[in-house]
């Protein structure tokens, strides 16, 4: 049996198991409420919560985009491990304050916090909508990237037996099926299985790579011969980019809607703390591993183009499988693990998109069962649109998509982190700051200026955003003290 045939057979078994999980999850639902569908009844335990956080955080971007970027940039990409660790650090500034409020007021979407904190102020509703729209754009970008990664993995690892377009359609359909049928419960349970598969697959692949390369030292020597600049000490501009990327990823990742909704879905504060403690170690066993995979590919596959570099992982799996039947089976296991990671992120993104568009953009109540059905219909429409886009827009790098969505998403940070820790933040200045930061990030895209001196335009935009929000709120404070319109006891008390 060829590697491609092995891959198709394993894919069928894997997809069949997801159908079973979806059916069981549907039978386990308690009611038709948005809280049950989108948050699994707020009752996720430590093990499932940790694995769903893990599988969501490490996605197709991580397993295809990060090795591709390591291939393009060399050893300087070791910073990826640092910025993934920074995410956990920033989470500790968000979770202890946000979760008690979320539990008390039964939040379902990120917009529920923004509405609670700023909704009673002038321009509070506009801030809720602006945050929701930026998050929606970022999520749509994220979903598009996962669908690209799905099609790429299916085509490459099955030797073309499953074409890219067919892989996108079938796998997108499966994600939509079990997310619609079982909601967050099905998503979390499948994420648990997918997280285990991903860790196992990466461990097997790294063991093979280091064995074939005769260790890290020999691998570094081989890279130096092929591309000396890949092992050079980074220059000042590259170091500035390190710091900028840590800020960008560390801050923007904590306001991912799917991450915030998992904070809401935790069974208890203790469950959430334990899950985050376990997540602290995952960059070392995931991001560092995929970085080494990208580096190991440099002497193996020379002169890959920018977009082709995202195929490093599937190319390595194909090379590994060619060494014998047992290795072909092992490579298939890694393939399923990688695909599982991609699908686990796609399902989480889709769930968040449906709930956020239904409630935060269209204004439906999170206490109305009809909101659940509307969210499902919206999710289906978005999935179809993104699948069509993924089939026609193939010439874009996954890391480029990551940077774009993060530069927009990071503009939502003040409404959460500053809003939680400083009761003086006002809706009007926060809205103006968000719009200014987003405009700067978007202008950078259109002008093809993604960094200034190594610093991301979105990070510069965040600086402008925070300055406007902070100075504007301080300027408004004396007027509010004199009894002029601007806030309410409810919005001030919420933090």
Protein backbone atom coordinates (compact mmCIF):
# COMPACT_ATOMS: atom_id res chain seq x y z
CA UNK A 1 0.00 0.00 0.00
CA UNK A 2 1.43 3.41 -0.98
CA UNK A 3 1.81 6.36 1.37
CA UNK A 4 -1.00 8.16 -0.44
CA UNK A 5 -3.32 5.21 0.04
CA UNK A 6 -2.35 4.98 3.72
CA UNK A 7 -3.15 8.67 4.06
CA UNK A 8 -6.59 8.38 2.46
CA UNK A 9 -7.49 5.37 4.65
CA UNK A 10 -6.35 7.10 7.83
CA UNK A 11 -8.23 10.25 6.85
CA UNK A 12 -11.47 8.28 6.43
CA UNK A 13 -11.06 6.63 9.84
CA UNK A 14 -10.32 9.97 11.48
CA UNK A 15 -13.29 11.73 9.93
CA UNK A 16 -15.54 8.83 10.93
CA UNK A 17 -14.43 9.23 14.54
CA UNK A 18 -15.37 12.91 14.43
CA UNK A 19 -18.89 11.99 13.33
CA UNK A 20 -19.22 9.70 16.36
CA UNK A 21 -18.01 12.45 18.71
CA UNK A 22 -20.49 14.92 17.20
CA UNK A 23 -23.42 12.55 17.70
CA UNK A 24 -22.46 11.83 21.32
CA UNK A 25 -22.01 15.57 21.99
CA UNK A 26 -25.45 16.33 20.58
CA UNK A 27 -27.04 13.75 22.86
CA UNK A 28 -25.22 15.29 25.85
CA UNK A 29 -26.59 18.80 25.37
CA UNK A 30 -28.79 20.16 28.13
CA UNK A 31 -30.86 22.67 26.18
CA UNK A 32 -30.86 24.86 23.08
CA UNK A 33 -29.51 28.00 24.78
CA UNK A 34 -26.51 29.94 23.42
CA UNK A 35 -24.63 29.21 26.66
CA UNK A 36 -24.99 25.46 26.14
CA UNK A 37 -24.19 25.51 22.41
CA UNK A 38 -21.39 28.09 22.38
CA UNK A 39 -19.88 27.42 25.85
CA UNK A 40 -20.70 23.73 26.54
CA UNK A 41 -22.86 24.74 29.51
CA UNK A 42 -19.84 26.44 31.19
CA UNK A 43 -18.69 23.08 32.54
CA UNK A 44 -15.38 22.14 30.86
CA UNK A 45 -12.98 20.21 33.12
CA UNK A 46 -9.21 20.61 33.46
CA UNK A 47 -8.15 17.95 30.96
CA UNK A 48 -10.59 18.90 28.20
CA UNK A 49 -10.12 22.66 28.76
CA UNK A 50 -6.33 22.34 28.60
CA UNK A 51 -6.42 20.29 25.41
CA UNK A 52 -8.97 22.53 23.71
CA UNK A 53 -6.86 25.58 24.60
CA UNK A 54 -3.78 23.78 23.30
CA UNK A 55 -5.35 22.53 20.08
CA UNK A 56 -6.83 25.97 19.39
CA UNK A 57 -3.60 27.87 20.11
CA UNK A 58 -1.46 25.61 17.92
CA UNK A 59 -3.15 25.55 14.56
CA UNK A 60 -2.42 25.21 10.86
CA UNK A 61 -0.52 28.47 11.25
CA UNK A 62 1.72 26.79 13.82
CA UNK A 63 2.24 23.49 12.01
CA UNK A 64 2.61 24.88 8.48
CA UNK A 65 3.20 28.63 8.82
CA UNK A 66 5.82 28.47 11.58
CA UNK A 67 8.03 25.81 9.91
CA UNK A 68 7.70 27.81 6.68
CA UNK A 69 8.83 31.01 8.40
CA UNK A 70 11.72 29.15 10.11
CA UNK A 71 12.77 27.88 6.67
CA UNK A 72 12.70 31.43 5.27
CA UNK A 73 14.40 33.21 8.20
CA UNK A 74 16.67 30.61 9.79
CA UNK A 75 17.63 30.41 13.46
CA UNK A 76 16.31 33.90 14.20
CA UNK A 77 12.85 32.34 14.17
CA UNK A 78 13.59 30.78 17.56
CA UNK A 79 11.79 33.90 18.85
CA UNK A 80 8.55 32.08 18.05
CA UNK A 81 8.93 30.11 21.28
CA UNK A 82 9.25 33.37 23.21
CA UNK A 83 6.16 35.02 21.81
CA UNK A 84 4.06 31.92 22.44
CA UNK A 85 5.19 32.02 26.07
CA UNK A 86 4.29 35.71 26.30
CA UNK A 87 0.67 34.82 25.52
CA UNK A 88 0.38 32.87 28.79
CA UNK A 89 1.95 35.76 30.72
CA UNK A 90 -0.59 38.25 29.37
CA UNK A 91 -3.44 35.82 30.03
CA UNK A 92 -2.69 36.19 33.74
CA UNK A 93 -3.40 39.93 33.44
CA UNK A 94 -6.78 39.20 31.83
CA UNK A 95 -8.28 36.07 33.34
CA UNK A 96 -8.37 36.80 37.13
CA UNK A 97 -10.46 39.93 36.61
CA UNK A 98 -12.53 38.95 33.59
CA UNK A 99 -13.76 35.51 34.64
CA UNK A 100 -15.62 36.49 37.88
CA UNK A 101 -17.49 39.23 36.01
CA UNK A 102 -18.24 36.84 33.13
CA UNK A 103 -19.67 34.27 35.51
CA UNK A 104 -21.78 36.81 37.41
CA UNK A 105 -23.33 38.29 34.28
CA UNK A 106 -23.38 35.10 32.16
CA UNK A 107 -21.28 36.38 29.26
CA UNK A 108 -21.24 34.34 26.05
CA UNK A 109 -19.22 36.50 23.63
CA UNK A 110 -16.32 38.97 24.03
CA UNK A 111 -18.76 41.74 23.17
CA UNK A 112 -20.70 41.00 26.36
CA UNK A 113 -17.76 42.35 28.38
CA UNK A 114 -17.42 45.48 26.22
CA UNK A 115 -21.18 46.05 26.43
CA UNK A 116 -21.15 45.57 30.21
CA UNK A 117 -18.18 47.88 30.75
CA UNK A 118 -18.97 50.66 28.28
CA UNK A 119 -22.54 50.10 27.04
CA UNK A 120 -24.20 52.72 29.25
CA UNK A 121 -21.86 55.49 28.03
CA UNK A 122 -22.30 57.66 24.95
CA UNK A 123 -20.65 55.87 22.01
CA UNK A 124 -20.53 52.66 24.08
CA UNK A 125 -22.67 50.83 21.52
CA UNK A 126 -20.40 52.03 18.72
CA UNK A 127 -17.37 50.67 20.62
CA UNK A 128 -19.08 47.28 21.01
CA UNK A 129 -19.75 47.16 17.26
CA UNK A 130 -16.22 48.30 16.33
CA UNK A 131 -14.62 45.66 18.53
CA UNK A 132 -16.95 43.00 17.14
CA UNK A 133 -16.20 43.93 13.53
CA UNK A 134 -12.43 43.91 14.03
CA UNK A 135 -12.65 40.55 15.77
CA UNK A 136 -14.87 39.23 12.97
CA UNK A 137 -12.35 40.29 10.30
CA UNK A 138 -9.54 38.65 12.28
CA UNK A 139 -11.56 35.44 12.71
CA UNK A 140 -12.48 35.30 9.02
CA UNK A 141 -8.78 35.70 8.18
CA UNK A 142 -7.96 32.91 10.64
CA UNK A 143 -10.58 30.59 9.17
CA UNK A 144 -9.31 31.27 5.66
CA UNK A 145 -5.78 30.34 6.75
CA UNK A 146 -6.98 27.06 8.30
CA UNK A 147 -8.88 26.09 5.15
CA UNK A 148 -5.79 26.79 3.04
CA UNK A 149 -3.76 24.62 5.39
CA UNK A 150 -6.34 21.81 5.25
CA UNK A 151 -6.29 21.67 1.48
CA UNK A 152 -2.52 21.87 1.38
CA UNK A 153 -2.04 18.99 3.82
CA UNK A 154 -4.65 16.80 2.13
CA UNK A 155 -3.12 17.29 -1.32
CA UNK A 156 0.54 16.97 -0.39
CA UNK A 157 0.44 14.04 1.99
CA UNK A 158 -1.94 11.88 -0.02
CA UNK A 159 0.25 12.32 -3.09
CA UNK A 160 -2.46 14.17 -4.96
CA UNK A 161 -5.09 11.47 -4.45
CA UNK A 162 -7.05 14.13 -2.57
CA UNK A 163 -6.72 17.38 -4.58
CA UNK A 164 -6.37 20.71 -2.77
CA UNK A 165 -9.87 21.91 -3.67
CA UNK A 166 -11.50 18.62 -2.69
CA UNK A 167 -9.63 18.64 0.62
CA UNK A 168 -10.86 22.15 1.39
CA UNK A 169 -14.50 21.29 0.62
CA UNK A 170 -14.66 17.93 2.42
CA UNK A 171 -12.79 18.99 5.54
CA UNK A 172 -14.67 22.30 5.78
CA UNK A 173 -17.91 20.37 5.48
CA UNK A 174 -16.87 18.03 8.29
CA UNK A 175 -15.96 20.91 10.60
CA UNK A 176 -19.29 22.58 9.88
CA UNK A 177 -21.13 19.30 10.50
CA UNK A 178 -19.80 18.49 13.95
CA UNK A 179 -19.69 22.13 15.12
CA UNK A 180 -23.35 22.61 14.11
CA UNK A 181 -24.44 19.30 15.58
CA UNK A 182 -22.61 19.37 18.91
CA UNK A 183 -21.51 22.99 19.46
CA UNK A 184 -18.70 23.78 21.90
CA UNK A 185 -19.07 20.38 23.53
CA UNK A 186 -18.24 18.59 20.26
CA UNK A 187 -15.51 21.12 19.50
CA UNK A 188 -13.87 20.67 22.91
CA UNK A 189 -14.06 16.87 22.83
CA UNK A 190 -12.63 16.66 19.32
CA UNK A 191 -9.97 19.19 20.32
CA UNK A 192 -8.93 16.87 23.16
CA UNK A 193 -8.37 14.00 20.73
CA UNK A 194 -6.72 16.31 18.21
CA UNK A 195 -4.37 17.78 20.82
CA UNK A 196 -3.09 14.35 21.83
CA UNK A 197 -2.57 13.38 18.20
CA UNK A 198 -0.68 16.60 17.50
CA UNK A 199 1.73 16.16 20.43
CA UNK A 200 2.38 12.53 19.52
CA UNK A 201 2.90 13.29 15.85
CA UNK A 202 5.34 16.14 16.48
CA UNK A 203 7.38 14.03 18.90
CA UNK A 204 7.72 11.23 16.32
CA UNK A 205 8.67 13.59 13.49
CA UNK A 206 11.28 15.45 15.55
CA UNK A 207 12.86 12.18 16.68
CA UNK A 208 13.22 11.08 13.05
CA UNK A 209 14.60 14.43 11.89
CA UNK A 210 17.26 14.67 14.58
CA UNK A 211 18.22 11.05 14.00
CA UNK A 212 18.55 11.59 10.25
CA UNK A 213 20.52 14.80 10.78
CA UNK A 214 22.90 13.18 13.32
CA UNK A 215 21.92 15.69 15.97
CA UNK A 216 21.39 19.42 16.29
CA UNK A 217 25.07 20.29 15.82
CA UNK A 218 25.35 18.42 12.51
CA UNK A 219 22.06 19.94 11.35
CA UNK A 220 23.38 23.44 12.10
CA UNK A 221 26.54 22.70 10.11
CA UNK A 222 24.50 21.52 7.13
CA UNK A 223 22.39 24.69 7.26
CA UNK A 224 25.54 26.86 7.39
CA UNK A 225 26.86 25.23 4.22
CA UNK A 226 23.65 25.84 2.31
CA UNK A 227 22.64 29.25 3.68
CA UNK A 228 25.17 30.90 6.04
CA UNK A 229 22.89 33.84 6.82
CA UNK A 230 20.39 31.44 8.38
CA UNK A 231 22.74 30.78 11.33
CA UNK A 232 24.13 34.34 11.66
CA UNK A 233 23.66 36.43 14.81
CA UNK A 234 20.60 38.66 14.21
CA UNK A 235 21.18 42.35 13.46
CA UNK A 236 19.59 45.20 15.42
CA UNK A 237 16.64 45.44 13.04
CA UNK A 238 15.89 41.74 13.46
CA UNK A 239 16.11 42.05 17.26
CA UNK A 240 13.64 44.95 17.11
CA UNK A 241 11.36 42.68 15.11
CA UNK A 242 11.71 40.04 17.84
CA UNK A 243 10.49 42.48 20.48
CA UNK A 244 7.72 43.76 18.21
CA UNK A 245 6.49 40.25 17.43
CA UNK A 246 6.43 39.30 21.11
CA UNK A 247 4.28 42.36 21.84
CA UNK A 248 2.06 41.73 18.80
CA UNK A 249 1.42 38.03 19.43
CA UNK A 250 1.48 38.24 23.22
CA UNK A 251 -1.20 40.92 23.39
CA UNK A 252 -3.34 40.12 20.36
CA UNK A 253 -3.64 36.40 21.07
CA UNK A 254 -5.32 36.92 24.44
CA UNK A 255 -8.23 38.74 22.80
CA UNK A 256 -8.91 35.96 20.33
CA UNK A 257 -12.69 35.50 20.68
CA UNK A 258 -12.30 31.72 20.88
CA UNK A 259 -9.74 32.08 23.70
CA UNK A 260 -11.98 34.46 25.65
CA UNK A 261 -14.94 32.11 25.23
CA UNK A 262 -12.89 29.28 26.73
CA UNK A 263 -12.33 31.47 29.77
CA UNK A 264 -16.11 31.73 30.01
CA UNK A 265 -16.56 27.97 29.47
CA UNK A 266 -14.28 26.77 32.28
CA UNK A 267 -16.06 24.77 34.97
CA UNK A 268 -14.39 26.79 37.77
CA UNK A 269 -11.64 29.29 38.46
CA UNK A 270 -9.43 26.47 39.72
CA UNK A 271 -9.97 24.51 36.50
CA UNK A 272 -8.92 27.52 34.47
CA UNK A 273 -5.79 28.15 36.57
CA UNK A 274 -4.67 24.54 36.26
CA UNK A 275 -5.25 24.50 32.50
CA UNK A 276 -3.26 27.70 32.02
CA UNK A 277 -0.46 26.30 34.18
CA UNK A 278 -0.20 23.31 31.85
CA UNK A 279 -0.26 25.61 28.81
CA UNK A 280 2.89 27.37 30.09
CA UNK A 281 5.06 24.44 28.96
CA UNK A 282 3.52 23.87 25.55
CA UNK A 283 5.67 26.35 23.56
CA UNK A 284 8.72 24.23 24.42
CA UNK A 285 7.15 21.01 23.13
CA UNK A 286 5.32 22.54 20.15
CA UNK A 287 6.65 25.88 18.86
CA UNK A 288 10.29 24.95 19.45
CA UNK A 289 9.70 21.61 17.75
CA UNK A 290 8.07 23.07 14.63
CA UNK A 291 10.87 25.67 14.43
CA UNK A 292 13.44 22.86 14.39
CA UNK A 293 11.40 21.10 11.70
CA UNK A 294 11.57 24.21 9.50
CA UNK A 295 15.31 24.54 10.08
CA UNK A 296 15.94 20.88 9.27
CA UNK A 297 14.25 21.41 5.91
CA UNK A 298 16.74 24.08 4.77
CA UNK A 299 19.48 21.65 3.62
CA UNK A 300 16.91 19.12 2.42
CA UNK A 301 14.82 21.37 0.17
CA UNK A 302 16.86 24.17 -1.35
CA UNK A 303 15.49 27.31 -3.01
CA UNK A 304 11.81 26.94 -2.10
CA UNK A 305 9.81 30.09 -2.86
CA UNK A 306 8.07 32.17 -0.20
CA UNK A 307 4.69 30.47 -0.66
CA UNK A 308 6.21 27.03 -1.32
CA UNK A 309 8.00 27.18 2.05
CA UNK A 310 4.65 26.64 3.79
CA UNK A 311 4.78 23.10 2.35
CA UNK A 312 7.88 22.19 4.36
CA UNK A 313 5.99 19.94 6.79
CA UNK A 314 4.14 17.92 4.11
CA UNK A 315 7.35 17.63 2.04
CA UNK A 316 9.20 16.18 5.02
CA UNK A 317 6.40 13.72 5.66
CA UNK A 318 6.58 12.56 2.03
CA UNK A 319 10.35 12.11 2.24
CA UNK A 320 10.03 10.21 5.51
CA UNK A 321 7.33 7.93 4.15
CA UNK A 322 9.51 6.97 1.19
CA UNK A 323 12.05 5.26 3.48
CA UNK A 324 9.83 2.24 4.18
CA UNK A 325 6.34 0.93 5.07
CA UNK A 326 6.71 1.41 8.83
CA UNK A 327 7.89 4.96 8.33
CA UNK A 328 4.97 5.51 5.98
CA UNK A 329 2.59 4.51 8.77
CA UNK A 330 4.38 6.82 11.22
CA UNK A 331 4.23 9.67 8.70
CA UNK A 332 0.49 9.12 8.32
CA UNK A 333 0.11 9.44 12.09
CA UNK A 334 1.94 12.78 11.99
CA UNK A 335 -0.23 13.85 9.06
CA UNK A 336 -3.41 13.09 10.99
CA UNK A 337 -2.01 14.95 14.02
CA UNK A 338 -1.22 18.01 11.92
CA UNK A 339 -4.58 17.91 10.21
CA UNK A 340 -6.26 17.51 13.59
CA UNK A 341 -4.58 20.68 14.84
CA UNK A 342 -5.74 22.60 11.79
CA UNK A 343 -9.32 21.39 12.10
CA UNK A 344 -9.42 22.05 15.85
CA UNK A 345 -8.64 25.70 15.25
CA UNK A 346 -11.09 25.98 12.36
CA UNK A 347 -13.96 24.62 14.46
CA UNK A 348 -13.21 27.00 17.34
CA UNK A 349 -13.02 29.99 15.00
CA UNK A 350 -16.27 29.03 13.29
CA UNK A 351 -18.09 28.67 16.61
CA UNK A 352 -16.90 32.10 17.75
CA UNK A 353 -17.81 33.70 14.43
CA UNK A 354 -21.37 32.42 14.62
CA UNK A 355 -21.96 33.59 18.18
CA UNK A 356 -20.27 36.95 17.73
CA UNK A 357 -22.04 37.89 14.51
CA UNK A 358 -25.41 36.84 15.88
CA UNK A 359 -25.10 38.68 19.18
CA UNK A 360 -22.50 41.46 18.95
CA UNK A 361 -23.08 42.55 15.35
CA UNK A 362 -26.78 41.77 14.82
CA UNK A 363 -27.75 42.53 18.43
CA UNK A 364 -29.50 39.29 19.40
CA UNK A 365 -29.73 38.37 23.06
CA UNK A 366 -27.50 35.67 24.55
CA UNK A 367 -30.49 34.56 26.62
CA UNK A 368 -32.63 33.78 23.57
CA UNK A 369 -32.59 30.21 22.19
CA UNK A 370 -33.23 31.61 18.70
CA UNK A 371 -29.77 33.19 18.81
CA UNK A 372 -28.28 29.69 18.72
CA UNK A 373 -30.01 28.83 15.45
CA UNK A 374 -29.08 32.18 13.92
CA UNK A 375 -25.45 31.62 14.93
CA UNK A 376 -25.47 28.21 13.22
CA UNK A 377 -26.85 29.67 9.98
CA UNK A 378 -24.31 32.48 9.99
CA UNK A 379 -21.48 30.01 10.61
CA UNK A 380 -22.57 27.96 7.62
CA UNK A 381 -22.62 31.01 5.36
CA UNK A 382 -19.19 32.17 6.51
CA UNK A 383 -17.70 28.71 6.05
CA UNK A 384 -18.98 28.47 2.48
CA UNK A 385 -17.61 31.93 1.64
CA UNK A 386 -14.18 31.24 3.16
CA UNK A 387 -13.95 27.82 1.49
CA UNK A 388 -14.59 29.42 -1.91
CA UNK A 389 -11.97 32.07 -1.20
CA UNK A 390 -9.43 29.44 -0.11
CA UNK A 391 -9.86 27.63 -3.42
CA UNK A 392 -9.03 30.69 -5.52
CA UNK A 393 -6.56 32.66 -3.34
CA UNK A 394 -3.65 30.28 -2.87
CA UNK A 395 -0.64 32.56 -3.40
CA UNK A 396 -0.34 34.05 0.08
CA UNK A 397 1.90 32.91 2.95
CA UNK A 398 0.35 31.68 6.18
CA UNK A 399 2.65 33.87 8.29
CA UNK A 400 1.56 36.90 6.29
CA UNK A 401 -2.04 36.09 7.21
CA UNK A 402 -1.08 35.74 10.87
CA UNK A 403 0.57 39.17 10.98
CA UNK A 404 -2.37 40.84 9.22
CA UNK A 405 -5.02 39.55 11.61
CA UNK A 406 -2.88 40.23 14.69
CA UNK A 407 -2.26 43.85 13.68
CA UNK A 408 -6.02 44.40 13.59
CA UNK A 409 -6.86 42.28 16.62
CA UNK A 410 -4.32 44.02 18.86
CA UNK A 411 -6.33 47.26 18.53
CA UNK A 412 -9.04 45.62 20.68
CA UNK A 413 -6.64 45.13 23.60
CA UNK A 414 -7.27 48.48 25.40
CA UNK A 415 -11.01 47.78 25.68
CA UNK A 416 -10.16 44.57 27.57
CA UNK A 417 -6.89 44.92 29.47
CA UNK A 418 -7.03 48.66 30.21
CA UNK A 419 -10.79 48.56 30.67
CA UNK A 420 -10.44 45.80 33.25
CA UNK A 421 -7.68 47.48 35.25
CA UNK A 422 -8.55 51.19 34.95
CA UNK A 423 -12.06 52.36 35.65
CA UNK A 424 -11.24 55.77 34.18
CA UNK A 425 -11.16 54.50 30.58
CA UNK A 426 -14.06 56.00 28.64
CA UNK A 427 -15.91 54.61 25.63
CA UNK A 428 -15.49 57.64 23.36
CA UNK A 429 -11.67 57.93 23.56
CA UNK A 430 -11.35 54.13 23.44
CA UNK A 431 -13.40 54.09 20.23
CA UNK A 432 -11.35 56.87 18.60
CA UNK A 433 -8.11 55.15 19.63
CA UNK A 434 -9.27 51.82 18.22
CA UNK A 435 -10.26 53.38 14.89
CA UNK A 436 -6.98 55.31 14.63
CA UNK A 437 -4.88 52.22 15.38
CA UNK A 438 -6.85 50.09 12.94
CA UNK A 439 -6.59 52.76 10.22
CA UNK A 440 -2.82 52.87 10.65
CA UNK A 441 -2.55 49.08 10.42
CA UNK A 442 -4.75 48.96 7.31
CA UNK A 443 -2.79 51.81 5.69
CA UNK A 444 0.38 49.78 6.22
CA UNK A 445 -1.16 46.89 4.31
CA UNK A 446 -2.26 49.04 1.36
CA UNK A 447 1.07 50.88 1.24
CA UNK A 448 2.99 47.61 1.65
CA UNK A 449 4.77 48.97 4.73
CA UNK A 450 4.39 46.22 7.31
CA UNK A 451 7.27 47.33 9.59
CA UNK A 452 9.10 50.52 10.46
CA UNK A 453 12.61 49.86 11.74
CA UNK A 454 11.60 46.26 12.41
CA UNK A 455 8.52 47.25 14.44
CA UNK A 456 5.11 46.19 13.11
CA UNK A 457 2.84 49.00 11.97
CA UNK A 458 0.07 47.42 14.06
CA UNK A 459 2.22 47.73 17.21
CA UNK A 460 2.84 51.40 16.38
CA UNK A 461 -0.91 51.68 15.83
CA UNK A 462 -1.50 50.23 19.30
CA UNK A 463 0.76 52.92 20.77
CA UNK A 464 -1.33 55.59 19.04
CA UNK A 465 -4.49 53.78 20.16
CA UNK A 466 -3.45 53.69 23.84
CA UNK A 467 -2.28 57.31 23.79
CA UNK A 468 -5.59 58.56 22.38
CA UNK A 469 -7.68 56.39 24.72
CA UNK A 470 -5.65 57.32 27.80
CA UNK A 471 -5.22 61.05 27.17
CA UNK A 472 -8.82 61.39 26.00
CA UNK A 473 -10.13 59.64 29.11
CA UNK A 474 -7.99 61.82 31.42
CA UNK A 475 -9.18 64.96 29.63
CA UNK A 476 -12.79 63.85 30.05
CA UNK A 477 -12.40 63.09 33.78
CA UNK A 478 -12.82 66.68 35.12
CA UNK A 479 -15.91 67.16 32.97
CA UNK A 480 -17.40 63.94 34.32
CA UNK A 481 -16.64 64.99 37.88
CA UNK A 482 -18.76 68.10 37.25
CA UNK A 483 -21.71 65.88 36.33
CA UNK A 484 -21.49 66.06 32.54
CA UNK A 485 -22.54 63.03 30.48
CA UNK A 486 -20.00 60.29 29.95
CA UNK A 487 -20.35 57.31 32.21
CA UNK A 488 -22.60 55.56 34.64
CA UNK A 489 -22.18 53.84 38.01
CA UNK A 490 -22.66 50.49 36.31
CA UNK A 491 -19.80 50.97 33.82
CA UNK A 492 -17.45 52.30 36.50
CA UNK A 493 -18.27 49.52 38.94
CA UNK A 494 -17.79 46.73 36.40
CA UNK A 495 -14.02 46.83 36.63
